[in-house]
């Protein structure tokens, strides 16, 4: 609890997926099942990480998940889920991030694209939540590169700022389809159905995907039911005693 690199968090019901690499910069920063990572409102532990992946063309599936449970995606509580993942990319590389930034553990290894493989393509299946948000964490090993994240008719553009040299010091969301603001994540909200797919497309240079978070947005608690009916998100708008609008 005294470590700034382990801030704790709300740990909502969610499935988080991140990468590990076998080439590129090896920072050695710890990213274990007890590490919290992600945007503050939905920060979670028990991230699923792949085994160390190479820098050449590859497809990553659930079989390449190495922790916490090999070959299985677990949720934020560490329980096995039905969720599956498939990622195609040019390879997996790593960024240089400071250990004590809010994003330092998550923004290390990333699945990247190149001119001949312009998309990092992701397919998620057997999602167990009836309604959910998908957080997509993006960036590159250099700042100032552009890209776009697309799912169906919805797109979010960005300029990379995940490298520590003159980079972002916190999570910054992009909410626009054009203009490429400096940002390191976007959110596809209020999704339904058991599958979801998206692409991270190369713009001015290689960019990539650091992590995916599928966050359940339905609560079965009495407060959750009341909050949902009132237009609040029970996972991000606080406990029953909070007063969001003061």
C-alpha atoms as a PDB file:
ATOM      1  CA  UNK A   1       0.000   0.000   0.000  1.00  0.00           C
ATOM      2  CA  UNK A   2       2.939   2.394   0.305  1.00  0.00           C
ATOM      3  CA  UNK A   3       3.972   1.994  -3.339  1.00  0.00           C
ATOM      4  CA  UNK A   4       2.899   4.727  -5.767  1.00  0.00           C
ATOM      5  CA  UNK A   5       3.180   2.102  -8.513  1.00  0.00           C
ATOM      6  CA  UNK A   6       0.418   0.027  -6.859  1.00  0.00           C
ATOM      7  CA  UNK A   7      -2.400   2.508  -6.254  1.00  0.00           C
ATOM      8  CA  UNK A   8      -5.245   0.044  -5.763  1.00  0.00           C
ATOM      9  CA  UNK A   9      -8.575   0.677  -7.417  1.00  0.00           C
ATOM     10  CA  UNK A  10     -12.251  -0.112  -7.647  1.00  0.00           C
ATOM     11  CA  UNK A  11     -11.640  -3.479  -9.376  1.00  0.00           C
ATOM     12  CA  UNK A  12     -14.991  -3.615 -11.224  1.00  0.00           C
ATOM     13  CA  UNK A  13     -16.228  -6.813 -12.814  1.00  0.00           C
ATOM     14  CA  UNK A  14     -14.123  -6.845 -15.965  1.00  0.00           C
ATOM     15  CA  UNK A  15     -11.761  -8.785 -18.206  1.00  0.00           C
ATOM     16  CA  UNK A  16      -8.406  -7.115 -18.945  1.00  0.00           C
ATOM     17  CA  UNK A  17      -5.959  -8.306 -21.603  1.00  0.00           C
ATOM     18  CA  UNK A  18      -2.359  -7.107 -22.004  1.00  0.00           C
ATOM     19  CA  UNK A  19       0.808  -8.264 -23.737  1.00  0.00           C
ATOM     20  CA  UNK A  20       4.328  -9.428 -22.979  1.00  0.00           C
ATOM     21  CA  UNK A  21       7.179  -9.301 -25.477  1.00  0.00           C
ATOM     22  CA  UNK A  22      10.387 -11.185 -26.155  1.00  0.00           C
ATOM     23  CA  UNK A  23      12.189  -8.355 -27.982  1.00  0.00           C
ATOM     24  CA  UNK A  24      12.512  -4.590 -27.726  1.00  0.00           C
ATOM     25  CA  UNK A  25      13.165  -2.658 -24.534  1.00  0.00           C
ATOM     26  CA  UNK A  26      12.893  -4.838 -21.448  1.00  0.00           C
ATOM     27  CA  UNK A  27      12.032  -2.536 -18.554  1.00  0.00           C
ATOM     28  CA  UNK A  28      11.394  -5.276 -16.017  1.00  0.00           C
ATOM     29  CA  UNK A  29       8.604  -3.353 -14.331  1.00  0.00           C
ATOM     30  CA  UNK A  30       6.371  -5.741 -12.372  1.00  0.00           C
ATOM     31  CA  UNK A  31       2.966  -6.528 -13.845  1.00  0.00           C
ATOM     32  CA  UNK A  32       1.574  -9.351 -11.750  1.00  0.00           C
ATOM     33  CA  UNK A  33      -2.021 -10.469 -11.041  1.00  0.00           C
ATOM     34  CA  UNK A  34      -2.069  -8.188  -7.966  1.00  0.00           C
ATOM     35  CA  UNK A  35      -1.065  -5.092  -9.983  1.00  0.00           C
ATOM     36  CA  UNK A  36      -3.858  -2.584 -10.570  1.00  0.00           C
ATOM     37  CA  UNK A  37      -3.921  -1.003 -14.041  1.00  0.00           C
ATOM     38  CA  UNK A  38      -6.343   0.905 -16.243  1.00  0.00           C
ATOM     39  CA  UNK A  39      -8.247   4.183 -16.128  1.00  0.00           C
ATOM     40  CA  UNK A  40      -8.872   5.220 -12.506  1.00  0.00           C
ATOM     41  CA  UNK A  41     -12.657   4.730 -12.586  1.00  0.00           C
ATOM     42  CA  UNK A  42     -12.305   1.126 -13.784  1.00  0.00           C
ATOM     43  CA  UNK A  43      -8.819   0.235 -12.564  1.00  0.00           C
ATOM     44  CA  UNK A  44      -8.533  -3.505 -12.036  1.00  0.00           C
ATOM     45  CA  UNK A  45      -6.221  -6.318 -11.066  1.00  0.00           C
ATOM     46  CA  UNK A  46      -5.907  -9.869 -12.450  1.00  0.00           C
ATOM     47  CA  UNK A  47      -4.989  -8.640 -15.923  1.00  0.00           C
ATOM     48  CA  UNK A  48      -4.535 -11.466 -18.402  1.00  0.00           C
ATOM     49  CA  UNK A  49      -1.093 -11.244 -20.011  1.00  0.00           C
ATOM     50  CA  UNK A  50       0.227 -13.207 -22.932  1.00  0.00           C
ATOM     51  CA  UNK A  51       3.369 -15.238 -22.884  1.00  0.00           C
ATOM     52  CA  UNK A  52       6.364 -13.362 -24.361  1.00  0.00           C
ATOM     53  CA  UNK A  53       5.514 -12.720 -28.000  1.00  0.00           C
ATOM     54  CA  UNK A  54       7.954 -12.128 -30.882  1.00  0.00           C
ATOM     55  CA  UNK A  55       8.459  -9.021 -33.013  1.00  0.00           C
ATOM     56  CA  UNK A  56       7.436 -10.744 -36.253  1.00  0.00           C
ATOM     57  CA  UNK A  57       4.017 -11.329 -37.839  1.00  0.00           C
ATOM     58  CA  UNK A  58       1.752 -13.218 -35.505  1.00  0.00           C
ATOM     59  CA  UNK A  59      -1.706 -14.159 -34.310  1.00  0.00           C
ATOM     60  CA  UNK A  60      -2.389 -14.248 -30.588  1.00  0.00           C
ATOM     61  CA  UNK A  61      -5.299 -16.284 -29.244  1.00  0.00           C
ATOM     62  CA  UNK A  62      -6.515 -17.343 -25.824  1.00  0.00           C
ATOM     63  CA  UNK A  63      -4.010 -20.205 -26.013  1.00  0.00           C
ATOM     64  CA  UNK A  64      -1.170 -17.664 -25.706  1.00  0.00           C
ATOM     65  CA  UNK A  65      -2.437 -16.275 -22.386  1.00  0.00           C
ATOM     66  CA  UNK A  66       0.253 -16.959 -19.807  1.00  0.00           C
ATOM     67  CA  UNK A  67      -1.010 -15.406 -16.556  1.00  0.00           C
ATOM     68  CA  UNK A  68      -2.816 -15.523 -14.205  1.00  0.00           C
ATOM     69  CA  UNK A  69      -4.086 -18.824 -15.725  1.00  0.00           C
ATOM     70  CA  UNK A  70      -2.457 -20.319 -18.801  1.00  0.00           C
ATOM     71  CA  UNK A  71      -4.801 -20.633 -21.775  1.00  0.00           C
ATOM     72  CA  UNK A  72      -7.789 -19.071 -19.992  1.00  0.00           C
ATOM     73  CA  UNK A  73      -9.091 -15.520 -19.630  1.00  0.00           C
ATOM     74  CA  UNK A  74     -10.011 -14.663 -16.045  1.00  0.00           C
ATOM     75  CA  UNK A  75     -11.994 -11.693 -14.743  1.00  0.00           C
ATOM     76  CA  UNK A  76     -10.886  -9.043 -12.253  1.00  0.00           C
ATOM     77  CA  UNK A  77     -11.690 -11.386  -9.369  1.00  0.00           C
ATOM     78  CA  UNK A  78      -9.434 -14.080 -10.829  1.00  0.00           C
ATOM     79  CA  UNK A  79     -12.336 -16.337 -11.843  1.00  0.00           C
ATOM     80  CA  UNK A  80     -12.266 -18.144 -15.193  1.00  0.00           C
ATOM     81  CA  UNK A  81     -14.540 -16.714 -17.899  1.00  0.00           C
ATOM     82  CA  UNK A  82     -15.874 -17.896 -21.238  1.00  0.00           C
ATOM     83  CA  UNK A  83     -14.295 -14.920 -23.020  1.00  0.00           C
ATOM     84  CA  UNK A  84     -11.984 -15.579 -25.956  1.00  0.00           C
ATOM     85  CA  UNK A  85      -9.590 -13.286 -27.801  1.00  0.00           C
ATOM     86  CA  UNK A  86      -7.825 -13.279 -31.167  1.00  0.00           C
ATOM     87  CA  UNK A  87      -5.315 -10.586 -32.137  1.00  0.00           C
ATOM     88  CA  UNK A  88      -3.473 -10.315 -35.456  1.00  0.00           C
ATOM     89  CA  UNK A  89      -0.586  -7.858 -35.713  1.00  0.00           C
ATOM     90  CA  UNK A  90       2.850  -7.290 -37.185  1.00  0.00           C
ATOM     91  CA  UNK A  91       4.351  -8.317 -33.854  1.00  0.00           C
ATOM     92  CA  UNK A  92       4.772  -7.265 -30.226  1.00  0.00           C
ATOM     93  CA  UNK A  93       7.299  -4.602 -29.172  1.00  0.00           C
ATOM     94  CA  UNK A  94       7.766  -2.508 -26.046  1.00  0.00           C
ATOM     95  CA  UNK A  95       7.646   1.130 -24.986  1.00  0.00           C
ATOM     96  CA  UNK A  96       9.769   2.989 -22.443  1.00  0.00           C
ATOM     97  CA  UNK A  97       7.607   4.029 -19.506  1.00  0.00           C
ATOM     98  CA  UNK A  98       8.338   5.201 -16.003  1.00  0.00           C
ATOM     99  CA  UNK A  99       7.417   2.721 -13.309  1.00  0.00           C
ATOM    100  CA  UNK A 100       5.636   5.306 -11.187  1.00  0.00           C
ATOM    101  CA  UNK A 101       3.302   6.758 -13.815  1.00  0.00           C
ATOM    102  CA  UNK A 102      -0.334   5.673 -13.505  1.00  0.00           C
ATOM    103  CA  UNK A 103       0.008   3.745 -16.756  1.00  0.00           C
ATOM    104  CA  UNK A 104       3.594   2.492 -16.530  1.00  0.00           C
ATOM    105  CA  UNK A 105       2.850  -1.199 -16.024  1.00  0.00           C
ATOM    106  CA  UNK A 106       0.191  -1.473 -18.724  1.00  0.00           C
ATOM    107  CA  UNK A 107       1.969   0.675 -21.325  1.00  0.00           C
ATOM    108  CA  UNK A 108       4.957  -1.537 -21.891  1.00  0.00           C
ATOM    109  CA  UNK A 109       4.476  -4.260 -24.505  1.00  0.00           C
ATOM    110  CA  UNK A 110       2.143  -3.540 -27.416  1.00  0.00           C
ATOM    111  CA  UNK A 111       0.882  -5.325 -30.531  1.00  0.00           C
ATOM    112  CA  UNK A 112       1.833  -3.057 -33.429  1.00  0.00           C
ATOM    113  CA  UNK A 113       1.096  -2.465 -37.108  1.00  0.00           C
ATOM    114  CA  UNK A 114       3.348  -1.604 -40.077  1.00  0.00           C
ATOM    115  CA  UNK A 115       2.831  -0.449 -43.655  1.00  0.00           C
ATOM    116  CA  UNK A 116       2.324  -3.982 -45.011  1.00  0.00           C
ATOM    117  CA  UNK A 117       0.147  -4.999 -42.023  1.00  0.00           C
ATOM    118  CA  UNK A 118      -1.686  -1.695 -41.360  1.00  0.00           C
ATOM    119  CA  UNK A 119      -4.149  -3.026 -38.773  1.00  0.00           C
ATOM    120  CA  UNK A 120      -3.956  -4.605 -35.363  1.00  0.00           C
ATOM    121  CA  UNK A 121      -7.180  -6.595 -35.561  1.00  0.00           C
ATOM    122  CA  UNK A 122      -8.962  -7.853 -32.448  1.00  0.00           C
ATOM    123  CA  UNK A 123     -11.910 -10.212 -32.088  1.00  0.00           C
ATOM    124  CA  UNK A 124     -13.472 -10.875 -28.687  1.00  0.00           C
ATOM    125  CA  UNK A 125     -15.950 -13.727 -28.252  1.00  0.00           C
ATOM    126  CA  UNK A 126     -18.225 -15.318 -25.651  1.00  0.00           C
ATOM    127  CA  UNK A 127     -18.360 -12.102 -23.599  1.00  0.00           C
ATOM    128  CA  UNK A 128     -20.396 -12.955 -20.476  1.00  0.00           C
ATOM    129  CA  UNK A 129     -21.824  -9.465 -19.807  1.00  0.00           C
ATOM    130  CA  UNK A 130     -25.181  -8.352 -21.209  1.00  0.00           C
ATOM    131  CA  UNK A 131     -24.016  -4.724 -21.406  1.00  0.00           C
ATOM    132  CA  UNK A 132     -20.398  -3.607 -21.291  1.00  0.00           C
ATOM    133  CA  UNK A 133     -17.843  -0.946 -22.195  1.00  0.00           C
ATOM    134  CA  UNK A 134     -14.661  -1.778 -24.115  1.00  0.00           C
ATOM    135  CA  UNK A 135     -11.584   0.272 -23.202  1.00  0.00           C
ATOM    136  CA  UNK A 136      -8.843   0.242 -25.849  1.00  0.00           C
ATOM    137  CA  UNK A 137      -5.385   1.408 -24.708  1.00  0.00           C
ATOM    138  CA  UNK A 138      -3.245   2.651 -27.600  1.00  0.00           C
ATOM    139  CA  UNK A 139       0.103   4.264 -28.327  1.00  0.00           C
ATOM    140  CA  UNK A 140       3.530   3.629 -29.828  1.00  0.00           C
ATOM    141  CA  UNK A 141       7.208   3.465 -28.926  1.00  0.00           C
ATOM    142  CA  UNK A 142       7.531   7.079 -30.125  1.00  0.00           C
ATOM    143  CA  UNK A 143       5.266  10.063 -29.525  1.00  0.00           C
ATOM    144  CA  UNK A 144       3.625  12.045 -32.331  1.00  0.00           C
ATOM    145  CA  UNK A 145       2.378   9.147 -34.446  1.00  0.00           C
ATOM    146  CA  UNK A 146      -1.237   9.067 -35.598  1.00  0.00           C
ATOM    147  CA  UNK A 147      -3.744   6.251 -35.741  1.00  0.00           C
ATOM    148  CA  UNK A 148      -7.418   5.426 -35.503  1.00  0.00           C
ATOM    149  CA  UNK A 149      -9.409   2.802 -33.584  1.00  0.00           C
ATOM    150  CA  UNK A 150     -12.514   1.581 -35.439  1.00  0.00           C
ATOM    151  CA  UNK A 151     -15.402  -0.726 -34.609  1.00  0.00           C
ATOM    152  CA  UNK A 152     -18.211  -0.752 -37.140  1.00  0.00           C
ATOM    153  CA  UNK A 153     -19.284   2.827 -37.828  1.00  0.00           C
ATOM    154  CA  UNK A 154     -17.520   4.252 -34.760  1.00  0.00           C
ATOM    155  CA  UNK A 155     -13.953   5.576 -34.917  1.00  0.00           C
ATOM    156  CA  UNK A 156     -11.613   7.367 -32.516  1.00  0.00           C
ATOM    157  CA  UNK A 157      -8.464   9.078 -33.798  1.00  0.00           C
ATOM    158  CA  UNK A 158      -5.355   9.728 -31.728  1.00  0.00           C
ATOM    159  CA  UNK A 159      -1.761  10.895 -31.722  1.00  0.00           C
ATOM    160  CA  UNK A 160       0.563   8.728 -29.649  1.00  0.00           C
ATOM    161  CA  UNK A 161       1.834  10.116 -26.372  1.00  0.00           C
ATOM    162  CA  UNK A 162       2.629   6.990 -24.365  1.00  0.00           C
ATOM    163  CA  UNK A 163       6.425   7.257 -24.428  1.00  0.00           C
ATOM    164  CA  UNK A 164       7.837   8.935 -21.328  1.00  0.00           C
ATOM    165  CA  UNK A 165       9.924  11.450 -23.276  1.00  0.00           C
ATOM    166  CA  UNK A 166       7.601  14.481 -23.395  1.00  0.00           C
ATOM    167  CA  UNK A 167       4.671  12.083 -23.196  1.00  0.00           C
ATOM    168  CA  UNK A 168       1.405  12.028 -21.288  1.00  0.00           C
ATOM    169  CA  UNK A 169       1.569  11.775 -17.507  1.00  0.00           C
ATOM    170  CA  UNK A 170      -1.854  10.168 -17.107  1.00  0.00           C
ATOM    171  CA  UNK A 171      -4.637   8.428 -18.990  1.00  0.00           C
ATOM    172  CA  UNK A 172      -6.165  10.734 -21.638  1.00  0.00           C
ATOM    173  CA  UNK A 173      -9.226   9.682 -23.644  1.00  0.00           C
ATOM    174  CA  UNK A 174      -9.894  10.457 -27.294  1.00  0.00           C
ATOM    175  CA  UNK A 175     -13.567  10.938 -28.162  1.00  0.00           C
ATOM    176  CA  UNK A 176     -13.341  12.208 -31.769  1.00  0.00           C
ATOM    177  CA  UNK A 177     -13.171  10.448 -35.119  1.00  0.00           C
ATOM    178  CA  UNK A 178     -10.852  13.011 -36.709  1.00  0.00           C
ATOM    179  CA  UNK A 179      -8.277  15.546 -35.566  1.00  0.00           C
ATOM    180  CA  UNK A 180      -5.932  13.090 -33.860  1.00  0.00           C
ATOM    181  CA  UNK A 181      -5.708  14.581 -30.343  1.00  0.00           C
ATOM    182  CA  UNK A 182      -2.856  13.370 -28.144  1.00  0.00           C
ATOM    183  CA  UNK A 183      -4.452  10.511 -26.204  1.00  0.00           C
ATOM    184  CA  UNK A 184      -3.752   6.973 -25.025  1.00  0.00           C
ATOM    185  CA  UNK A 185      -7.160   5.311 -24.860  1.00  0.00           C
ATOM    186  CA  UNK A 186     -10.727   5.311 -26.169  1.00  0.00           C
ATOM    187  CA  UNK A 187     -13.966   3.670 -24.995  1.00  0.00           C
ATOM    188  CA  UNK A 188     -16.721   1.920 -26.928  1.00  0.00           C
ATOM    189  CA  UNK A 189     -19.643   2.320 -24.525  1.00  0.00           C
ATOM    190  CA  UNK A 190     -22.905   0.482 -23.910  1.00  0.00           C
ATOM    191  CA  UNK A 191     -22.137  -2.506 -26.102  1.00  0.00           C
ATOM    192  CA  UNK A 192     -24.258  -5.628 -26.172  1.00  0.00           C
ATOM    193  CA  UNK A 193     -23.903  -9.069 -27.686  1.00  0.00           C
ATOM    194  CA  UNK A 194     -21.413 -11.822 -26.993  1.00  0.00           C
ATOM    195  CA  UNK A 195     -18.800 -10.654 -29.514  1.00  0.00           C
ATOM    196  CA  UNK A 196     -16.956  -7.433 -30.293  1.00  0.00           C
ATOM    197  CA  UNK A 197     -14.292  -6.594 -32.879  1.00  0.00           C
ATOM    198  CA  UNK A 198     -12.139  -3.572 -33.638  1.00  0.00           C
ATOM    199  CA  UNK A 199      -9.034  -2.454 -35.545  1.00  0.00           C
ATOM    200  CA  UNK A 200      -6.174  -0.174 -34.576  1.00  0.00           C
ATOM    201  CA  UNK A 201      -5.131   1.295 -37.930  1.00  0.00           C
ATOM    202  CA  UNK A 202      -1.782   2.842 -38.763  1.00  0.00           C
ATOM    203  CA  UNK A 203      -1.749   6.541 -39.687  1.00  0.00           C
ATOM    204  CA  UNK A 204       1.504   8.472 -40.041  1.00  0.00           C
ATOM    205  CA  UNK A 205       3.633   5.603 -38.711  1.00  0.00           C
ATOM    206  CA  UNK A 206       3.500   2.402 -36.672  1.00  0.00           C
ATOM    207  CA  UNK A 207       1.145   2.488 -33.674  1.00  0.00           C
ATOM    208  CA  UNK A 208      -0.306  -0.258 -31.557  1.00  0.00           C
ATOM    209  CA  UNK A 209      -2.457  -1.765 -28.852  1.00  0.00           C
ATOM    210  CA  UNK A 210      -1.277  -1.999 -25.236  1.00  0.00           C
ATOM    211  CA  UNK A 211      -4.400  -3.403 -23.630  1.00  0.00           C
ATOM    212  CA  UNK A 212      -8.099  -4.233 -23.819  1.00  0.00           C
ATOM    213  CA  UNK A 213     -10.583  -4.006 -20.971  1.00  0.00           C
ATOM    214  CA  UNK A 214     -14.146  -5.346 -21.135  1.00  0.00           C
ATOM    215  CA  UNK A 215     -16.041  -3.757 -18.241  1.00  0.00           C
ATOM    216  CA  UNK A 216     -19.427  -5.015 -17.091  1.00  0.00           C
ATOM    217  CA  UNK A 217     -21.913  -2.130 -16.820  1.00  0.00           C
ATOM    218  CA  UNK A 218     -24.812  -3.994 -15.251  1.00  0.00           C
ATOM    219  CA  UNK A 219     -25.053  -4.351 -11.483  1.00  0.00           C
ATOM    220  CA  UNK A 220     -27.417  -6.789  -9.785  1.00  0.00           C
ATOM    221  CA  UNK A 221     -27.312  -4.926  -6.468  1.00  0.00           C
ATOM    222  CA  UNK A 222     -30.219  -2.823  -5.229  1.00  0.00           C
ATOM    223  CA  UNK A 223     -28.124   0.329  -5.573  1.00  0.00           C
ATOM    224  CA  UNK A 224     -26.986  -0.760  -9.017  1.00  0.00           C
ATOM    225  CA  UNK A 225     -30.551  -1.252 -10.199  1.00  0.00           C
ATOM    226  CA  UNK A 226     -31.608   2.124  -8.794  1.00  0.00           C
ATOM    227  CA  UNK A 227     -28.578   3.950 -10.235  1.00  0.00           C
ATOM    228  CA  UNK A 228     -29.040   2.422 -13.682  1.00  0.00           C
ATOM    229  CA  UNK A 229     -32.705   3.460 -13.698  1.00  0.00           C
ATOM    230  CA  UNK A 230     -31.655   7.036 -12.844  1.00  0.00           C
ATOM    231  CA  UNK A 231     -29.152   7.229 -15.677  1.00  0.00           C
ATOM    232  CA  UNK A 232     -26.044   6.675 -13.529  1.00  0.00           C
ATOM    233  CA  UNK A 233     -23.327   4.093 -13.988  1.00  0.00           C
ATOM    234  CA  UNK A 234     -23.135   2.145 -10.700  1.00  0.00           C
ATOM    235  CA  UNK A 235     -19.566   1.080 -11.476  1.00  0.00           C
ATOM    236  CA  UNK A 236     -18.155   4.592 -11.895  1.00  0.00           C
ATOM    237  CA  UNK A 237     -20.569   6.956 -10.097  1.00  0.00           C
ATOM    238  CA  UNK A 238     -19.654   5.886  -6.601  1.00  0.00           C
ATOM    239  CA  UNK A 239     -21.251   4.139  -3.663  1.00  0.00           C
ATOM    240  CA  UNK A 240     -24.821   4.683  -2.397  1.00  0.00           C
ATOM    241  CA  UNK A 241     -23.639   7.469  -0.062  1.00  0.00           C
ATOM    242  CA  UNK A 242     -21.866   9.467  -2.784  1.00  0.00           C
ATOM    243  CA  UNK A 243     -23.310  12.694  -4.213  1.00  0.00           C
ATOM    244  CA  UNK A 244     -22.188  12.969  -7.835  1.00  0.00           C
ATOM    245  CA  UNK A 245     -23.779  16.372  -8.554  1.00  0.00           C
ATOM    246  CA  UNK A 246     -22.919  17.812  -5.114  1.00  0.00           C
END
